[in-house]
Amino acid sequence: DDTRNFTTNVILQCDYFLQTKNDFLGVFPHSDHCEINIVMRTEHACPQLPANIKNSKFFVTTPTKKVLSFKPLQSSNHEVMGFDIYLGFPLLYGHNMMCEAGTAVCFVNSSATDPLRKYLNMGSMTSNLKYLKDRVSLKLPSKEVCEGNKTFSSEIIFECDRLISGDGSPSFHGTTDCVHRFMWPTSLACAEEKPCQLTIPD
């Protein structure tokens, strides 16, 4: 363009853990052909975590003394399609990801006109994983008012599924008594080795 200068935007995204040594995510063209975006992940773009969040454990020990680690889930946010709900341990901040520090379940209210009510904390990482009856559960309290004296909270149930590739992904199973419920099939929740199995369509 003969009348305009090129512009480079450097966008810093939050990453508390920097699990990858390469924090450079790439160069992304802007919709305006005179601009480009350079995106990098760094811990310096993150809000300071509350002490109780820092001390949260991302592993659980089964009755047979096997340790199940859920640390791989810390590397990215997981969107539940159709509900604009994001899960993270804790949330990694970026575009449309602006809940308060320590949020694990963020609801983005796209219809809100007040920016302070657009990003709602529906669960903070203030509790630890618990193993119960071949499942791993995580209960996350929130300060957001639901009804009466009740506040919202979220519960994530991790179920063992050895056929799931990667870390799996959550699904939203509705809200009951102010509790948002999610199911998350993943091989990370598998405690006991089972004989080789073959799954066929019928």
N, C-alpha and C. Protein backbone atom coordinates (compact mmCIF):
# COMPACT_ATOMS: atom_id res chain seq x y z
N ASP A 1 0.86 -1.18 0.00
CA ASP A 1 0.00 0.00 0.00
C ASP A 1 0.90 1.24 0.00
N ASP A 2 0.74 2.11 -0.99
CA ASP A 2 1.63 3.26 -1.12
C ASP A 2 1.39 4.33 -0.07
N THR A 3 0.24 4.27 0.62
CA THR A 3 -0.10 5.34 1.57
C THR A 3 0.06 4.93 3.03
N ARG A 4 0.41 3.68 3.28
CA ARG A 4 0.48 3.21 4.67
C ARG A 4 1.78 2.47 4.94
N ASN A 5 2.17 2.48 6.20
CA ASN A 5 3.34 1.72 6.62
C ASN A 5 2.92 0.34 7.13
N PHE A 6 3.81 -0.61 7.09
CA PHE A 6 3.56 -1.91 7.69
C PHE A 6 3.61 -1.80 9.21
N THR A 7 2.81 -2.64 9.88
CA THR A 7 2.77 -2.67 11.35
C THR A 7 2.98 -4.10 11.83
N THR A 8 3.80 -4.26 12.85
CA THR A 8 4.03 -5.57 13.47
C THR A 8 3.50 -5.53 14.90
N ASN A 9 2.59 -6.46 15.23
CA ASN A 9 2.06 -6.57 16.59
C ASN A 9 2.70 -7.76 17.28
N VAL A 10 3.30 -7.54 18.43
CA VAL A 10 3.86 -8.63 19.23
C VAL A 10 2.86 -8.95 20.34
N ILE A 11 2.28 -10.16 20.30
CA ILE A 11 1.26 -10.57 21.26
C ILE A 11 1.87 -11.58 22.23
N LEU A 12 1.84 -11.26 23.52
CA LEU A 12 2.38 -12.15 24.54
C LEU A 12 1.24 -12.90 25.22
N GLN A 13 1.28 -14.22 25.17
CA GLN A 13 0.26 -15.05 25.81
C GLN A 13 0.83 -15.66 27.07
N CYS A 14 -0.04 -15.80 28.06
CA CYS A 14 0.36 -16.34 29.36
C CYS A 14 0.70 -17.83 29.26
N ASP A 15 1.77 -18.25 29.91
CA ASP A 15 2.10 -19.66 30.09
C ASP A 15 2.81 -19.80 31.43
N TYR A 16 2.10 -20.35 32.42
CA TYR A 16 2.68 -20.47 33.76
C TYR A 16 3.80 -21.51 33.81
N PHE A 17 3.77 -22.47 32.91
CA PHE A 17 4.61 -23.65 33.07
C PHE A 17 5.72 -23.76 32.05
N LEU A 18 5.54 -23.14 30.88
CA LEU A 18 6.55 -23.21 29.84
C LEU A 18 7.06 -24.63 29.65
N GLN A 19 6.12 -25.57 29.42
CA GLN A 19 6.50 -26.96 29.27
C GLN A 19 7.31 -27.17 27.99
N THR A 20 7.14 -26.30 27.04
CA THR A 20 7.94 -26.39 25.83
C THR A 20 9.05 -25.35 25.90
N LYS A 21 10.24 -25.74 25.47
CA LYS A 21 11.37 -24.82 25.54
C LYS A 21 11.22 -23.70 24.51
N ASN A 22 10.48 -23.97 23.44
CA ASN A 22 10.29 -22.97 22.40
C ASN A 22 9.01 -22.19 22.68
N ASP A 23 9.15 -20.94 23.12
CA ASP A 23 7.97 -20.15 23.48
C ASP A 23 7.51 -19.28 22.31
N PHE A 24 8.10 -19.47 21.13
CA PHE A 24 7.70 -18.70 19.96
C PHE A 24 6.66 -19.51 19.19
N LEU A 25 5.41 -19.00 19.10
CA LEU A 25 4.33 -19.75 18.48
C LEU A 25 4.21 -19.52 16.98
N GLY A 26 4.74 -18.42 16.48
CA GLY A 26 4.71 -18.21 15.05
C GLY A 26 4.25 -16.81 14.66
N VAL A 27 4.27 -16.59 13.35
CA VAL A 27 3.84 -15.32 12.76
C VAL A 27 2.50 -15.56 12.06
N PHE A 28 1.50 -14.75 12.41
CA PHE A 28 0.16 -14.94 11.87
C PHE A 28 -0.29 -13.68 11.15
N PRO A 29 -0.63 -13.79 9.86
CA PRO A 29 -1.08 -12.61 9.11
C PRO A 29 -2.34 -12.02 9.72
N HIS A 30 -2.42 -10.73 9.75
CA HIS A 30 -3.61 -10.01 10.22
C HIS A 30 -4.59 -9.93 9.06
N SER A 31 -5.87 -9.70 9.38
CA SER A 31 -6.87 -9.54 8.32
C SER A 31 -6.53 -8.33 7.45
N ASP A 32 -5.86 -7.37 8.06
CA ASP A 32 -5.35 -6.22 7.31
C ASP A 32 -3.98 -6.61 6.75
N HIS A 33 -3.83 -6.61 5.44
CA HIS A 33 -2.60 -7.10 4.83
C HIS A 33 -1.38 -6.25 5.18
N CYS A 34 -1.58 -5.10 5.80
CA CYS A 34 -0.46 -4.25 6.19
C CYS A 34 0.02 -4.56 7.60
N GLU A 35 -0.60 -5.55 8.27
CA GLU A 35 -0.21 -5.90 9.63
C GLU A 35 0.11 -7.38 9.74
N ILE A 36 1.02 -7.71 10.63
CA ILE A 36 1.28 -9.11 10.99
C ILE A 36 1.33 -9.22 12.51
N ASN A 37 0.99 -10.40 13.02
CA ASN A 37 1.03 -10.67 14.46
C ASN A 37 2.11 -11.69 14.76
N ILE A 38 2.97 -11.38 15.71
CA ILE A 38 3.96 -12.33 16.21
C ILE A 38 3.51 -12.75 17.60
N VAL A 39 3.26 -14.04 17.80
CA VAL A 39 2.70 -14.54 19.06
C VAL A 39 3.75 -15.32 19.83
N MET A 40 3.91 -14.98 21.11
CA MET A 40 4.86 -15.67 21.97
C MET A 40 4.19 -16.01 23.29
N ARG A 41 4.60 -17.14 23.89
CA ARG A 41 4.10 -17.53 25.21
C ARG A 41 5.19 -17.31 26.24
N THR A 42 4.80 -16.70 27.35
CA THR A 42 5.79 -16.40 28.38
C THR A 42 5.11 -16.29 29.74
N GLU A 43 5.82 -16.65 30.78
CA GLU A 43 5.28 -16.53 32.13
C GLU A 43 5.13 -15.08 32.55
N HIS A 44 5.83 -14.18 31.87
CA HIS A 44 5.79 -12.76 32.22
C HIS A 44 4.48 -12.11 31.82
N ALA A 45 3.65 -12.80 31.03
CA ALA A 45 2.34 -12.25 30.64
C ALA A 45 1.24 -12.75 31.56
N CYS A 46 1.59 -13.47 32.62
CA CYS A 46 0.59 -14.08 33.51
C CYS A 46 0.39 -13.25 34.77
N PRO A 47 -0.86 -13.15 35.24
CA PRO A 47 -1.10 -12.56 36.56
C PRO A 47 -0.47 -13.44 37.64
N GLN A 48 -0.13 -12.83 38.75
CA GLN A 48 0.45 -13.61 39.84
C GLN A 48 -0.61 -14.53 40.44
N LEU A 49 -0.24 -15.79 40.66
CA LEU A 49 -1.18 -16.76 41.19
C LEU A 49 -1.32 -16.62 42.70
N PRO A 50 -2.53 -16.77 43.24
CA PRO A 50 -2.70 -16.84 44.70
C PRO A 50 -1.93 -18.04 45.25
N ALA A 51 -1.51 -17.95 46.51
CA ALA A 51 -0.69 -19.00 47.12
C ALA A 51 -1.39 -20.36 47.10
N ASN A 52 -2.72 -20.36 47.36
CA ASN A 52 -3.42 -21.64 47.41
C ASN A 52 -3.51 -22.30 46.04
N ILE A 53 -3.41 -21.52 44.96
CA ILE A 53 -3.39 -22.07 43.62
C ILE A 53 -2.03 -22.70 43.35
N LYS A 54 -0.96 -22.03 43.76
CA LYS A 54 0.39 -22.54 43.54
C LYS A 54 0.58 -23.90 44.21
N ASN A 55 -0.09 -24.10 45.34
CA ASN A 55 0.11 -25.32 46.11
C ASN A 55 -0.80 -26.47 45.68
N SER A 56 -1.67 -26.25 44.69
CA SER A 56 -2.56 -27.31 44.24
C SER A 56 -1.76 -28.43 43.59
N LYS A 57 -2.21 -29.66 43.83
CA LYS A 57 -1.50 -30.82 43.29
C LYS A 57 -2.23 -31.32 42.03
N PHE A 58 -1.45 -31.71 41.03
CA PHE A 58 -2.01 -32.19 39.78
C PHE A 58 -1.78 -33.68 39.60
N PHE A 59 -1.76 -34.37 40.73
CA PHE A 59 -1.65 -35.82 40.69
C PHE A 59 -2.47 -36.40 41.82
N VAL A 60 -2.80 -37.69 41.71
CA VAL A 60 -3.56 -38.36 42.75
C VAL A 60 -3.00 -39.77 42.90
N THR A 61 -3.04 -40.30 44.12
CA THR A 61 -2.53 -41.65 44.39
C THR A 61 -3.70 -42.60 44.58
N THR A 62 -3.70 -43.72 43.87
CA THR A 62 -4.78 -44.70 43.96
C THR A 62 -4.57 -45.59 45.18
N PRO A 63 -5.59 -46.36 45.57
CA PRO A 63 -5.43 -47.28 46.71
C PRO A 63 -4.30 -48.29 46.53
N THR A 64 -3.94 -48.58 45.28
CA THR A 64 -2.84 -49.52 45.01
C THR A 64 -1.50 -48.78 44.91
N LYS A 65 -1.48 -47.52 45.32
CA LYS A 65 -0.27 -46.70 45.38
C LYS A 65 0.26 -46.27 44.01
N LYS A 66 -0.58 -46.36 42.98
CA LYS A 66 -0.17 -45.86 41.69
C LYS A 66 -0.46 -44.36 41.61
N VAL A 67 0.49 -43.61 41.10
CA VAL A 67 0.34 -42.15 41.00
C VAL A 67 -0.14 -41.79 39.59
N LEU A 68 -1.27 -41.12 39.53
CA LEU A 68 -1.82 -40.64 38.25
C LEU A 68 -1.54 -39.15 38.14
N SER A 69 -0.77 -38.78 37.13
CA SER A 69 -0.41 -37.37 36.93
C SER A 69 -1.27 -36.76 35.83
N PHE A 70 -1.80 -35.58 36.11
CA PHE A 70 -2.62 -34.85 35.14
C PHE A 70 -1.90 -33.60 34.65
N LYS A 71 -0.60 -33.54 34.83
CA LYS A 71 0.17 -32.37 34.41
C LYS A 71 0.08 -32.07 32.92
N PRO A 72 -0.06 -33.08 32.04
CA PRO A 72 -0.19 -32.75 30.61
C PRO A 72 -1.34 -31.78 30.31
N LEU A 73 -2.36 -31.75 31.18
CA LEU A 73 -3.51 -30.88 30.94
C LEU A 73 -3.19 -29.42 31.21
N GLN A 74 -2.02 -29.15 31.79
CA GLN A 74 -1.65 -27.78 32.11
C GLN A 74 -1.16 -27.00 30.90
N SER A 75 -0.97 -27.66 29.78
CA SER A 75 -0.31 -27.02 28.64
C SER A 75 -1.25 -26.17 27.79
N SER A 76 -2.56 -26.35 27.92
CA SER A 76 -3.47 -25.59 27.06
C SER A 76 -4.86 -25.51 27.67
N ASN A 77 -5.66 -24.58 27.16
CA ASN A 77 -7.07 -24.48 27.55
C ASN A 77 -7.88 -25.47 26.72
N HIS A 78 -8.99 -25.93 27.28
CA HIS A 78 -9.84 -26.90 26.59
C HIS A 78 -11.25 -26.32 26.50
N GLU A 79 -11.73 -26.10 25.28
CA GLU A 79 -13.04 -25.49 25.08
C GLU A 79 -14.11 -26.55 24.96
N VAL A 80 -15.21 -26.35 25.68
CA VAL A 80 -16.37 -27.22 25.56
C VAL A 80 -17.27 -26.60 24.51
N MET A 81 -17.36 -27.21 23.38
CA MET A 81 -18.05 -26.63 22.23
C MET A 81 -19.53 -26.33 22.54
N GLY A 82 -19.96 -25.15 22.13
CA GLY A 82 -21.35 -24.76 22.29
C GLY A 82 -21.67 -24.09 23.62
N PHE A 83 -20.76 -24.10 24.56
CA PHE A 83 -21.04 -23.51 25.87
C PHE A 83 -20.09 -22.37 26.22
N ASP A 84 -19.08 -22.12 25.39
CA ASP A 84 -18.10 -21.06 25.69
C ASP A 84 -17.51 -21.22 27.08
N ILE A 85 -17.26 -22.45 27.47
CA ILE A 85 -16.64 -22.72 28.77
C ILE A 85 -15.25 -23.28 28.52
N TYR A 86 -14.30 -22.77 29.24
CA TYR A 86 -12.91 -23.17 29.03
C TYR A 86 -12.37 -23.80 30.32
N LEU A 87 -11.58 -24.83 30.15
CA LEU A 87 -10.98 -25.49 31.31
C LEU A 87 -9.47 -25.38 31.22
N GLY A 88 -8.85 -25.11 32.33
CA GLY A 88 -7.40 -25.07 32.37
C GLY A 88 -6.92 -25.28 33.79
N PHE A 89 -5.64 -25.48 33.98
CA PHE A 89 -5.10 -25.77 35.31
C PHE A 89 -3.88 -24.92 35.60
N PRO A 90 -4.02 -23.64 35.93
CA PRO A 90 -5.22 -22.83 35.81
C PRO A 90 -5.32 -22.29 34.38
N LEU A 91 -6.23 -21.37 34.19
CA LEU A 91 -6.48 -20.80 32.88
C LEU A 91 -5.21 -20.13 32.34
N LEU A 92 -4.93 -20.35 31.05
CA LEU A 92 -3.84 -19.65 30.38
C LEU A 92 -4.45 -18.43 29.70
N TYR A 93 -3.97 -17.25 30.05
CA TYR A 93 -4.62 -16.02 29.62
C TYR A 93 -4.28 -15.65 28.18
N GLY A 94 -5.25 -15.10 27.49
CA GLY A 94 -5.06 -14.69 26.11
C GLY A 94 -6.33 -14.06 25.60
N HIS A 95 -6.51 -14.03 24.28
CA HIS A 95 -7.69 -13.44 23.67
C HIS A 95 -8.95 -14.19 24.11
N ASN A 96 -9.97 -13.46 24.60
CA ASN A 96 -11.22 -14.03 25.10
C ASN A 96 -10.99 -15.01 26.24
N MET A 97 -9.97 -14.75 27.04
CA MET A 97 -9.65 -15.62 28.16
C MET A 97 -9.20 -14.74 29.31
N MET A 98 -10.14 -14.04 29.94
CA MET A 98 -9.78 -12.97 30.86
C MET A 98 -10.42 -13.11 32.23
N CYS A 99 -10.69 -14.33 32.68
CA CYS A 99 -11.18 -14.51 34.04
C CYS A 99 -10.06 -14.18 35.03
N GLU A 100 -10.43 -14.03 36.30
CA GLU A 100 -9.47 -13.64 37.31
C GLU A 100 -8.40 -14.72 37.50
N ALA A 101 -7.29 -14.34 38.12
CA ALA A 101 -6.17 -15.25 38.33
C ALA A 101 -6.62 -16.47 39.13
N GLY A 102 -6.17 -17.64 38.72
CA GLY A 102 -6.51 -18.87 39.43
C GLY A 102 -7.75 -19.56 38.92
N THR A 103 -8.42 -18.98 37.91
CA THR A 103 -9.63 -19.58 37.38
C THR A 103 -9.30 -20.87 36.63
N ALA A 104 -10.08 -21.91 36.88
CA ALA A 104 -9.92 -23.17 36.15
C ALA A 104 -11.07 -23.37 35.17
N VAL A 105 -12.25 -22.84 35.49
CA VAL A 105 -13.40 -22.93 34.60
C VAL A 105 -13.92 -21.51 34.36
N CYS A 106 -13.79 -21.05 33.11
CA CYS A 106 -14.18 -19.68 32.78
C CYS A 106 -15.36 -19.70 31.83
N PHE A 107 -16.42 -19.03 32.20
CA PHE A 107 -17.58 -18.90 31.33
C PHE A 107 -17.54 -17.54 30.66
N VAL A 108 -17.57 -17.54 29.35
CA VAL A 108 -17.55 -16.28 28.59
C VAL A 108 -18.97 -15.95 28.17
N ASN A 109 -19.55 -14.92 28.80
CA ASN A 109 -20.91 -14.50 28.50
C ASN A 109 -20.87 -13.51 27.35
N SER A 110 -21.03 -14.03 26.13
CA SER A 110 -20.87 -13.20 24.94
C SER A 110 -21.95 -12.12 24.82
N SER A 111 -23.07 -12.27 25.52
CA SER A 111 -24.15 -11.29 25.43
C SER A 111 -24.02 -10.16 26.45
N ALA A 112 -23.04 -10.26 27.35
CA ALA A 112 -22.88 -9.24 28.40
C ALA A 112 -22.37 -7.94 27.79
N THR A 113 -22.98 -6.83 28.18
CA THR A 113 -22.52 -5.52 27.74
C THR A 113 -21.49 -4.93 28.69
N ASP A 114 -21.52 -5.38 29.94
CA ASP A 114 -20.55 -4.93 30.94
C ASP A 114 -19.32 -5.84 30.88
N PRO A 115 -18.14 -5.29 30.54
CA PRO A 115 -16.94 -6.13 30.44
C PRO A 115 -16.63 -6.90 31.73
N LEU A 116 -17.03 -6.32 32.86
CA LEU A 116 -16.76 -7.00 34.14
C LEU A 116 -17.64 -8.21 34.34
N ARG A 117 -18.73 -8.33 33.56
CA ARG A 117 -19.63 -9.48 33.68
C ARG A 117 -19.51 -10.43 32.49
N LYS A 118 -18.58 -10.15 31.60
CA LYS A 118 -18.43 -11.00 30.42
C LYS A 118 -17.65 -12.28 30.75
N TYR A 119 -16.64 -12.18 31.63
CA TYR A 119 -15.80 -13.32 31.97
C TYR A 119 -16.07 -13.72 33.41
N LEU A 120 -16.71 -14.87 33.60
CA LEU A 120 -17.15 -15.30 34.93
C LEU A 120 -16.38 -16.52 35.39
N ASN A 121 -15.85 -16.43 36.60
CA ASN A 121 -15.10 -17.54 37.20
C ASN A 121 -16.10 -18.56 37.74
N MET A 122 -16.21 -19.70 37.09
CA MET A 122 -17.13 -20.75 37.53
C MET A 122 -16.42 -21.89 38.27
N GLY A 123 -15.17 -21.67 38.62
CA GLY A 123 -14.45 -22.69 39.38
C GLY A 123 -12.99 -22.34 39.51
N SER A 124 -12.49 -22.28 40.74
CA SER A 124 -11.08 -21.97 40.99
C SER A 124 -10.33 -23.22 41.42
N MET A 125 -9.06 -23.28 41.06
CA MET A 125 -8.23 -24.44 41.36
C MET A 125 -7.74 -24.36 42.79
N THR A 126 -8.66 -24.53 43.74
CA THR A 126 -8.31 -24.45 45.16
C THR A 126 -8.44 -25.79 45.86
N SER A 127 -8.77 -26.84 45.12
CA SER A 127 -8.89 -28.17 45.73
C SER A 127 -8.05 -29.15 44.93
N ASN A 128 -7.82 -30.34 45.49
CA ASN A 128 -6.99 -31.33 44.84
C ASN A 128 -7.83 -32.43 44.22
N LEU A 129 -7.21 -33.18 43.34
CA LEU A 129 -7.86 -34.33 42.72
C LEU A 129 -8.14 -35.41 43.75
N LYS A 130 -9.25 -36.13 43.57
CA LYS A 130 -9.59 -37.23 44.47
C LYS A 130 -9.91 -38.48 43.65
N TYR A 131 -9.43 -39.62 44.13
CA TYR A 131 -9.68 -40.89 43.44
C TYR A 131 -10.79 -41.63 44.17
N LEU A 132 -11.84 -42.01 43.42
CA LEU A 132 -12.97 -42.68 44.05
C LEU A 132 -13.62 -43.62 43.04
N LYS A 133 -13.60 -44.90 43.34
CA LYS A 133 -14.28 -45.92 42.53
C LYS A 133 -13.88 -45.86 41.06
N ASP A 134 -12.59 -45.95 40.81
CA ASP A 134 -12.04 -45.98 39.46
C ASP A 134 -12.27 -44.69 38.69
N ARG A 135 -12.58 -43.63 39.38
CA ARG A 135 -12.72 -42.32 38.75
C ARG A 135 -11.91 -41.30 39.53
N VAL A 136 -11.55 -40.24 38.82
CA VAL A 136 -10.85 -39.14 39.48
C VAL A 136 -11.74 -37.91 39.37
N SER A 137 -12.01 -37.28 40.50
CA SER A 137 -12.91 -36.12 40.50
C SER A 137 -12.17 -34.88 40.96
N LEU A 138 -12.66 -33.76 40.48
CA LEU A 138 -12.10 -32.47 40.85
C LEU A 138 -13.26 -31.50 41.06
N LYS A 139 -13.41 -30.98 42.27
CA LYS A 139 -14.48 -30.04 42.59
C LYS A 139 -13.88 -28.65 42.74
N LEU A 140 -14.45 -27.71 42.00
CA LEU A 140 -13.89 -26.37 41.91
C LEU A 140 -14.91 -25.32 42.35
N PRO A 141 -14.71 -24.69 43.48
CA PRO A 141 -15.67 -23.69 43.98
C PRO A 141 -15.52 -22.35 43.28
N SER A 142 -16.59 -21.56 43.32
CA SER A 142 -16.60 -20.23 42.74
C SER A 142 -17.28 -19.26 43.69
N LYS A 143 -16.99 -17.98 43.52
CA LYS A 143 -17.65 -16.95 44.32
C LYS A 143 -18.85 -16.35 43.60
N GLU A 144 -19.08 -16.77 42.35
CA GLU A 144 -20.20 -16.23 41.58
C GLU A 144 -21.52 -16.68 42.18
N VAL A 145 -22.42 -15.72 42.44
CA VAL A 145 -23.70 -16.02 43.08
C VAL A 145 -24.61 -16.74 42.10
N CYS A 146 -25.22 -17.83 42.57
CA CYS A 146 -26.14 -18.62 41.75
C CYS A 146 -27.58 -18.24 42.09
N GLU A 147 -28.03 -18.65 43.25
CA GLU A 147 -29.38 -18.31 43.71
C GLU A 147 -29.40 -18.35 45.23
N GLY A 148 -30.10 -17.43 45.82
CA GLY A 148 -30.15 -17.36 47.27
C GLY A 148 -28.75 -17.17 47.84
N ASN A 149 -28.39 -18.04 48.79
CA ASN A 149 -27.06 -17.98 49.39
C ASN A 149 -26.07 -18.91 48.71
N LYS A 150 -26.49 -19.55 47.62
CA LYS A 150 -25.63 -20.50 46.94
C LYS A 150 -24.71 -19.81 45.94
N THR A 151 -23.57 -20.42 45.72
CA THR A 151 -22.65 -19.96 44.70
C THR A 151 -22.43 -21.08 43.68
N PHE A 152 -22.01 -20.70 42.48
CA PHE A 152 -21.72 -21.69 41.46
C PHE A 152 -20.46 -22.49 41.82
N SER A 153 -20.36 -23.66 41.26
CA SER A 153 -19.14 -24.45 41.33
C SER A 153 -19.10 -25.36 40.11
N SER A 154 -17.99 -26.02 39.89
CA SER A 154 -17.85 -26.95 38.78
C SER A 154 -17.26 -28.25 39.29
N GLU A 155 -17.70 -29.35 38.68
CA GLU A 155 -17.15 -30.66 39.02
C GLU A 155 -16.73 -31.37 37.73
N ILE A 156 -15.49 -31.82 37.71
CA ILE A 156 -14.96 -32.54 36.55
C ILE A 156 -14.70 -33.98 36.97
N ILE A 157 -15.27 -34.92 36.22
CA ILE A 157 -15.04 -36.35 36.47
C ILE A 157 -14.16 -36.89 35.34
N PHE A 158 -12.98 -37.36 35.70
CA PHE A 158 -12.07 -37.96 34.73
C PHE A 158 -12.29 -39.47 34.72
N GLU A 159 -12.63 -40.01 33.55
CA GLU A 159 -12.87 -41.44 33.41
C GLU A 159 -11.76 -42.07 32.57
N CYS A 160 -11.38 -43.28 32.94
CA CYS A 160 -10.34 -43.99 32.21
C CYS A 160 -10.85 -44.41 30.83
N ASP A 161 -10.09 -44.07 29.81
CA ASP A 161 -10.38 -44.52 28.45
C ASP A 161 -9.04 -44.66 27.73
N ARG A 162 -8.59 -45.90 27.57
CA ARG A 162 -7.29 -46.15 26.96
C ARG A 162 -7.30 -45.94 25.45
N LEU A 163 -8.49 -45.87 24.85
CA LEU A 163 -8.58 -45.70 23.41
C LEU A 163 -8.56 -44.24 22.98
N ILE A 164 -8.61 -43.32 23.97
CA ILE A 164 -8.58 -41.90 23.67
C ILE A 164 -7.16 -41.49 23.28
N SER A 165 -7.03 -40.82 22.15
CA SER A 165 -5.70 -40.34 21.75
C SER A 165 -5.42 -39.00 22.44
N GLY A 166 -4.18 -38.79 22.81
CA GLY A 166 -3.82 -37.56 23.50
C GLY A 166 -4.40 -37.52 24.91
N ASP A 167 -4.74 -36.33 25.35
CA ASP A 167 -5.24 -36.14 26.71
C ASP A 167 -6.76 -36.24 26.80
N GLY A 168 -7.45 -36.41 25.66
CA GLY A 168 -8.90 -36.41 25.67
C GLY A 168 -9.43 -35.00 25.76
N SER A 169 -10.74 -34.87 25.88
CA SER A 169 -11.36 -33.55 25.98
C SER A 169 -12.63 -33.66 26.80
N PRO A 170 -13.02 -32.56 27.46
CA PRO A 170 -14.21 -32.59 28.32
C PRO A 170 -15.50 -32.41 27.54
N SER A 171 -16.59 -32.86 28.14
CA SER A 171 -17.93 -32.60 27.61
C SER A 171 -18.79 -32.08 28.74
N PHE A 172 -19.68 -31.16 28.40
CA PHE A 172 -20.53 -30.52 29.41
C PHE A 172 -21.79 -31.34 29.60
N HIS A 173 -22.13 -31.67 30.85
CA HIS A 173 -23.28 -32.52 31.15
C HIS A 173 -24.35 -31.78 31.96
N GLY A 174 -24.43 -30.48 31.77
CA GLY A 174 -25.50 -29.72 32.39
C GLY A 174 -25.16 -29.16 33.76
N THR A 175 -26.11 -28.40 34.28
CA THR A 175 -25.96 -27.76 35.59
C THR A 175 -27.07 -28.22 36.51
N THR A 176 -26.70 -28.76 37.65
CA THR A 176 -27.67 -29.23 38.64
C THR A 176 -27.34 -28.62 39.99
N ASP A 177 -28.32 -27.97 40.60
CA ASP A 177 -28.14 -27.38 41.92
C ASP A 177 -26.90 -26.47 41.95
N CYS A 178 -26.75 -25.64 40.91
CA CYS A 178 -25.69 -24.65 40.79
C CYS A 178 -24.30 -25.24 40.53
N VAL A 179 -24.24 -26.53 40.21
CA VAL A 179 -22.97 -27.19 39.92
C VAL A 179 -22.88 -27.52 38.44
N HIS A 180 -21.89 -26.97 37.75
CA HIS A 180 -21.64 -27.32 36.35
C HIS A 180 -20.88 -28.65 36.33
N ARG A 181 -21.39 -29.63 35.57
CA ARG A 181 -20.78 -30.97 35.58
C ARG A 181 -20.16 -31.27 34.22
N PHE A 182 -18.94 -31.80 34.28
CA PHE A 182 -18.19 -32.15 33.08
C PHE A 182 -17.67 -33.58 33.20
N MET A 183 -17.67 -34.29 32.09
CA MET A 183 -17.06 -35.62 32.02
C MET A 183 -15.86 -35.51 31.10
N TRP A 184 -14.76 -36.17 31.49
CA TRP A 184 -13.53 -36.07 30.73
C TRP A 184 -12.89 -37.44 30.58
N PRO A 185 -13.18 -38.17 29.50
CA PRO A 185 -12.52 -39.46 29.27
C PRO A 185 -11.07 -39.23 28.86
N THR A 186 -10.15 -39.92 29.49
CA THR A 186 -8.73 -39.74 29.21
C THR A 186 -7.93 -40.93 29.70
N SER A 187 -6.86 -41.24 29.02
CA SER A 187 -5.99 -42.33 29.47
C SER A 187 -5.20 -41.94 30.71
N LEU A 188 -5.15 -40.65 31.03
CA LEU A 188 -4.44 -40.20 32.24
C LEU A 188 -5.11 -40.72 33.51
N ALA A 189 -6.40 -41.07 33.42
CA ALA A 189 -7.14 -41.53 34.60
C ALA A 189 -7.11 -43.04 34.76
N CYS A 190 -6.37 -43.75 33.93
CA CYS A 190 -6.33 -45.22 33.98
C CYS A 190 -5.33 -45.68 35.04
N ALA A 191 -5.85 -46.37 36.05
CA ALA A 191 -5.01 -46.79 37.17
C ALA A 191 -4.46 -48.19 37.00
N GLU A 192 -5.29 -49.11 36.56
CA GLU A 192 -4.89 -50.50 36.49
C GLU A 192 -4.71 -50.96 35.05
N GLU A 193 -3.69 -51.79 34.84
CA GLU A 193 -3.49 -52.36 33.51
C GLU A 193 -4.55 -53.42 33.25
N LYS A 194 -5.10 -53.44 32.04
CA LYS A 194 -6.12 -54.41 31.68
C LYS A 194 -5.62 -55.24 30.49
N PRO A 195 -6.15 -56.45 30.31
CA PRO A 195 -5.75 -57.27 29.16
C PRO A 195 -6.04 -56.53 27.85
N CYS A 196 -5.30 -56.92 26.84
CA CYS A 196 -5.48 -56.31 25.51
C CYS A 196 -6.93 -56.50 25.07
N GLN A 197 -7.54 -55.43 24.55
CA GLN A 197 -8.93 -55.49 24.14
C GLN A 197 -9.08 -54.96 22.71
N LEU A 198 -10.06 -55.48 22.00
CA LEU A 198 -10.36 -55.03 20.65
C LEU A 198 -11.79 -54.49 20.62
N THR A 199 -11.95 -53.28 20.12
CA THR A 199 -13.29 -52.68 20.03
C THR A 199 -13.70 -52.62 18.56
N ILE A 200 -14.90 -53.17 18.27
CA ILE A 200 -15.45 -53.14 16.94
C ILE A 200 -16.80 -52.42 16.97
N PRO A 201 -17.28 -51.91 15.83
CA PRO A 201 -18.48 -51.07 15.82
C PRO A 201 -19.71 -51.72 16.47
N ASP A 202 -19.90 -53.04 16.34
CA ASP A 202 -21.11 -53.65 16.90
C ASP A 202 -20.83 -54.35 18.22
